[in-house]
N, C-alpha and C. Protein backbone atom coordinates (compact mmCIF):
# COMPACT_ATOMS: atom_id res chain seq x y z
N MET A 1 -9.56 -20.32 -8.02
CA MET A 1 -7.75 -20.20 -8.83
C MET A 1 -6.90 -20.85 -8.07
N SER A 2 -6.03 -20.13 -6.72
CA SER A 2 -5.23 -20.58 -6.18
C SER A 2 -5.82 -21.90 -6.21
N THR A 3 -4.32 -22.92 -5.55
CA THR A 3 -4.69 -23.83 -4.90
C THR A 3 -3.34 -24.21 -4.20
N THR A 4 -2.77 -23.34 -3.79
CA THR A 4 -2.58 -23.95 -2.17
C THR A 4 -2.53 -22.94 -1.61
N ARG A 5 -2.22 -23.02 -0.86
CA ARG A 5 -2.20 -21.91 0.49
C ARG A 5 -0.21 -20.98 0.56
N ARG A 6 -0.58 -19.99 0.67
CA ARG A 6 0.45 -19.52 1.40
C ARG A 6 0.82 -18.21 2.53
N GLY A 7 1.21 -18.51 4.14
CA GLY A 7 0.94 -17.62 4.54
C GLY A 7 2.17 -16.43 4.24
N LEU A 8 1.22 -15.84 5.91
CA LEU A 8 1.89 -13.89 4.78
C LEU A 8 2.69 -13.39 6.07
N SER A 9 4.11 -12.96 5.84
CA SER A 9 4.24 -12.19 6.34
C SER A 9 4.70 -11.19 7.66
N LYS A 10 5.34 -12.16 8.65
CA LYS A 10 5.25 -10.86 9.82
C LYS A 10 5.02 -9.39 9.05
N ARG A 11 6.56 -9.20 8.37
CA ARG A 11 6.75 -8.31 8.02
C ARG A 11 5.22 -7.28 7.96
N ALA A 12 4.51 -7.52 6.42
CA ALA A 12 3.74 -7.38 5.93
C ALA A 12 2.39 -6.76 6.68
N VAL A 13 1.75 -8.17 7.89
CA VAL A 13 1.16 -7.49 8.59
C VAL A 13 1.17 -6.86 9.75
N LEU A 14 2.68 -6.51 10.42
CA LEU A 14 3.20 -5.66 11.02
C LEU A 14 3.13 -4.36 10.10
N LYS A 15 3.31 -4.48 8.72
CA LYS A 15 3.12 -3.06 8.33
C LYS A 15 2.00 -2.02 8.42
N SER A 16 0.63 -3.15 7.75
CA SER A 16 -0.50 -2.98 8.31
C SER A 16 -0.86 -2.35 9.53
N LEU A 17 -0.82 -2.48 10.06
CA LEU A 17 -0.64 -2.45 11.52
C LEU A 17 -0.32 -1.12 12.13
N LYS A 18 0.68 -1.05 11.32
CA LYS A 18 0.64 0.38 12.15
C LYS A 18 0.33 1.48 11.20
N GLU A 19 0.09 1.24 9.96
CA GLU A 19 -0.85 2.01 9.14
C GLU A 19 -2.36 2.04 9.85
N LEU A 20 -2.81 1.43 10.60
CA LEU A 20 -3.86 2.12 10.91
C LEU A 20 -3.69 3.46 12.28
N PRO A 21 -4.74 2.99 11.98
CA PRO A 21 -4.43 4.74 13.46
C PRO A 21 -4.78 4.57 14.73
N GLU A 22 -4.51 5.21 15.88
CA GLU A 22 -4.42 4.64 16.76
C GLU A 22 -5.33 4.07 17.63
N ARG A 23 -6.16 4.50 17.39
CA ARG A 23 -7.56 3.35 17.55
C ARG A 23 -8.75 2.77 16.72
N PHE A 24 -8.98 2.11 16.19
CA PHE A 24 -10.19 1.18 15.80
C PHE A 24 -9.79 0.03 16.06
N ASP A 25 -11.10 -0.71 14.49
CA ASP A 25 -11.62 -1.72 15.14
C ASP A 25 -11.42 -2.97 15.13
N ALA A 26 -11.63 -4.23 15.47
CA ALA A 26 -10.77 -5.56 15.10
C ALA A 26 -11.46 -5.70 13.55
N ASP A 27 -12.34 -5.28 13.53
CA ASP A 27 -12.98 -5.92 11.73
C ASP A 27 -11.16 -5.11 10.78
N GLU A 28 -11.61 -3.95 11.10
CA GLU A 28 -10.61 -3.27 9.94
C GLU A 28 -9.14 -4.08 9.99
N LEU A 29 -9.16 -4.21 11.02
CA LEU A 29 -7.13 -5.53 11.00
C LEU A 29 -7.93 -6.49 10.46
N ILE A 30 -9.21 -7.04 10.33
CA ILE A 30 -9.47 -8.23 9.91
C ILE A 30 -9.08 -8.61 8.36
N GLU A 31 -9.99 -7.17 8.09
CA GLU A 31 -10.19 -6.73 6.59
C GLU A 31 -9.27 -6.63 6.19
N ARG A 32 -8.35 -5.57 6.35
CA ARG A 32 -6.53 -6.01 6.18
C ARG A 32 -5.71 -6.78 6.04
N ILE A 33 -6.15 -7.97 6.67
CA ILE A 33 -5.09 -9.10 6.64
C ILE A 33 -5.95 -9.62 5.76
N VAL A 34 -6.99 -9.82 5.94
CA VAL A 34 -7.24 -11.32 3.89
C VAL A 34 -7.38 -10.72 3.23
N LEU A 35 -7.32 -8.92 3.54
CA LEU A 35 -6.94 -8.27 1.74
C LEU A 35 -5.35 -8.54 1.58
N LEU A 36 -4.34 -8.62 1.97
CA LEU A 36 -3.25 -9.07 1.88
C LEU A 36 -3.14 -9.93 1.83
N GLN A 37 -3.74 -11.09 2.55
CA GLN A 37 -3.99 -12.66 2.20
C GLN A 37 -4.10 -13.11 0.51
N LYS A 38 -5.26 -12.16 -0.15
CA LYS A 38 -5.74 -12.57 -1.32
C LYS A 38 -5.35 -11.98 -2.53
N ILE A 39 -4.24 -10.52 -2.27
CA ILE A 39 -2.93 -10.41 -2.57
C ILE A 39 -1.74 -11.08 -3.19
N GLU A 40 -1.50 -11.68 -1.26
CA GLU A 40 -0.87 -12.98 -1.62
C GLU A 40 -0.52 -13.66 -2.65
N GLU A 41 -2.29 -14.42 -2.60
CA GLU A 41 -2.50 -15.42 -3.35
C GLU A 41 -2.57 -15.26 -4.95
N GLY A 42 -2.99 -13.74 -5.49
CA GLY A 42 -3.47 -13.88 -6.58
C GLY A 42 -1.78 -13.18 -7.23
N LEU A 43 -0.33 -13.06 -6.65
CA LEU A 43 1.24 -12.97 -7.46
C LEU A 43 1.64 -14.02 -7.76
N SER A 44 0.87 -14.99 -6.45
CA SER A 44 1.45 -16.93 -6.42
C SER A 44 0.75 -16.85 -7.58
N ASP A 45 -0.55 -17.22 -7.92
CA ASP A 45 -1.31 -17.12 -8.98
C ASP A 45 -0.84 -17.40 -10.13
N ALA A 46 -0.51 -15.77 -10.62
CA ALA A 46 0.29 -15.57 -11.48
C ALA A 46 1.78 -15.79 -11.78
N LYS A 47 2.59 -16.08 -10.61
CA LYS A 47 3.66 -15.87 -10.76
C LYS A 47 3.61 -17.87 -10.93
N ALA A 48 2.69 -18.74 -10.88
CA ALA A 48 3.08 -19.95 -11.44
C ALA A 48 1.66 -20.31 -12.63
N GLY A 49 1.28 -18.97 -13.33
CA GLY A 49 0.61 -19.63 -14.29
C GLY A 49 -0.76 -19.66 -14.84
N ARG A 50 -1.21 -19.51 -13.61
CA ARG A 50 -2.72 -19.93 -13.48
C ARG A 50 -3.35 -18.00 -13.22
N VAL A 51 -3.89 -17.87 -14.83
CA VAL A 51 -4.19 -16.32 -15.29
C VAL A 51 -4.93 -16.69 -16.03
N LEU A 52 -5.77 -16.27 -16.49
CA LEU A 52 -6.67 -15.51 -17.81
C LEU A 52 -5.97 -14.56 -18.44
N THR A 53 -6.33 -14.93 -19.22
CA THR A 53 -6.44 -13.16 -20.42
C THR A 53 -7.12 -12.41 -20.24
N SER A 54 -7.60 -11.42 -20.33
CA SER A 54 -8.15 -10.56 -20.64
C SER A 54 -9.67 -10.90 -21.60
N LEU A 55 -9.03 -11.25 -22.56
CA LEU A 55 -10.31 -12.20 -23.72
C LEU A 55 -10.68 -12.68 -23.50
N THR A 56 -9.69 -13.73 -22.06
CA THR A 56 -11.15 -15.14 -22.26
C THR A 56 -11.81 -15.03 -20.67
N MET A 57 -11.43 -14.04 -19.89
CA MET A 57 -12.20 -13.23 -19.17
C MET A 57 -13.52 -13.09 -19.01
N LYS A 58 -13.87 -11.35 -20.21
CA LYS A 58 -14.22 -11.75 -20.20
C LYS A 58 -15.69 -12.50 -21.64
N ALA A 59 -14.69 -12.54 -22.03
CA ALA A 59 -15.77 -14.51 -22.68
C ALA A 59 -16.57 -14.43 -21.55
N HIS A 60 -15.93 -15.34 -20.34
CA HIS A 60 -16.99 -15.78 -18.40
C HIS A 60 -17.95 -14.40 -18.38
N ILE A 61 -17.12 -13.21 -18.81
CA ILE A 61 -17.46 -12.33 -17.69
C ILE A 61 -19.28 -12.21 -18.75
N ASP A 62 -19.19 -12.29 -20.24
CA ASP A 62 -20.22 -12.24 -21.29
C ASP A 62 -21.33 -13.05 -20.32
N ALA A 63 -20.52 -14.76 -20.48
CA ALA A 63 -21.44 -15.52 -20.94
C ALA A 63 -22.18 -15.92 -19.66
N LYS A 64 -21.86 -15.10 -18.21
CA LYS A 64 -22.57 -15.76 -17.59
C LYS A 64 -23.44 -13.86 -16.99
N TRP A 65 -23.58 -13.10 -17.03
CA TRP A 65 -24.48 -12.15 -17.11
C TRP A 65 -25.58 -11.69 -18.53
N SER A 66 -25.06 -12.28 -19.01
CA SER A 66 -25.76 -11.82 -20.99
C SER A 66 -27.12 -12.59 -20.81
N LYS A 67 -27.64 -13.51 -20.14
CA LYS A 67 -28.30 -14.24 -19.47
C LYS A 67 -30.35 -13.33 -19.85
């Protein structure tokens, strides 16, 4: 749904990095950064009004999975 890309704040990435254990896989950090990016995109979409109502979303899901 998102049409614009917003960058992450360094503060958010550093906070997430500090929450990781002393030793971790790079994949764990990458997954956290991707999650942070997706959350930021979702918040941006919501703020811009690019959202669907629960009923509309349910109709989309029902149409796709009721085949």
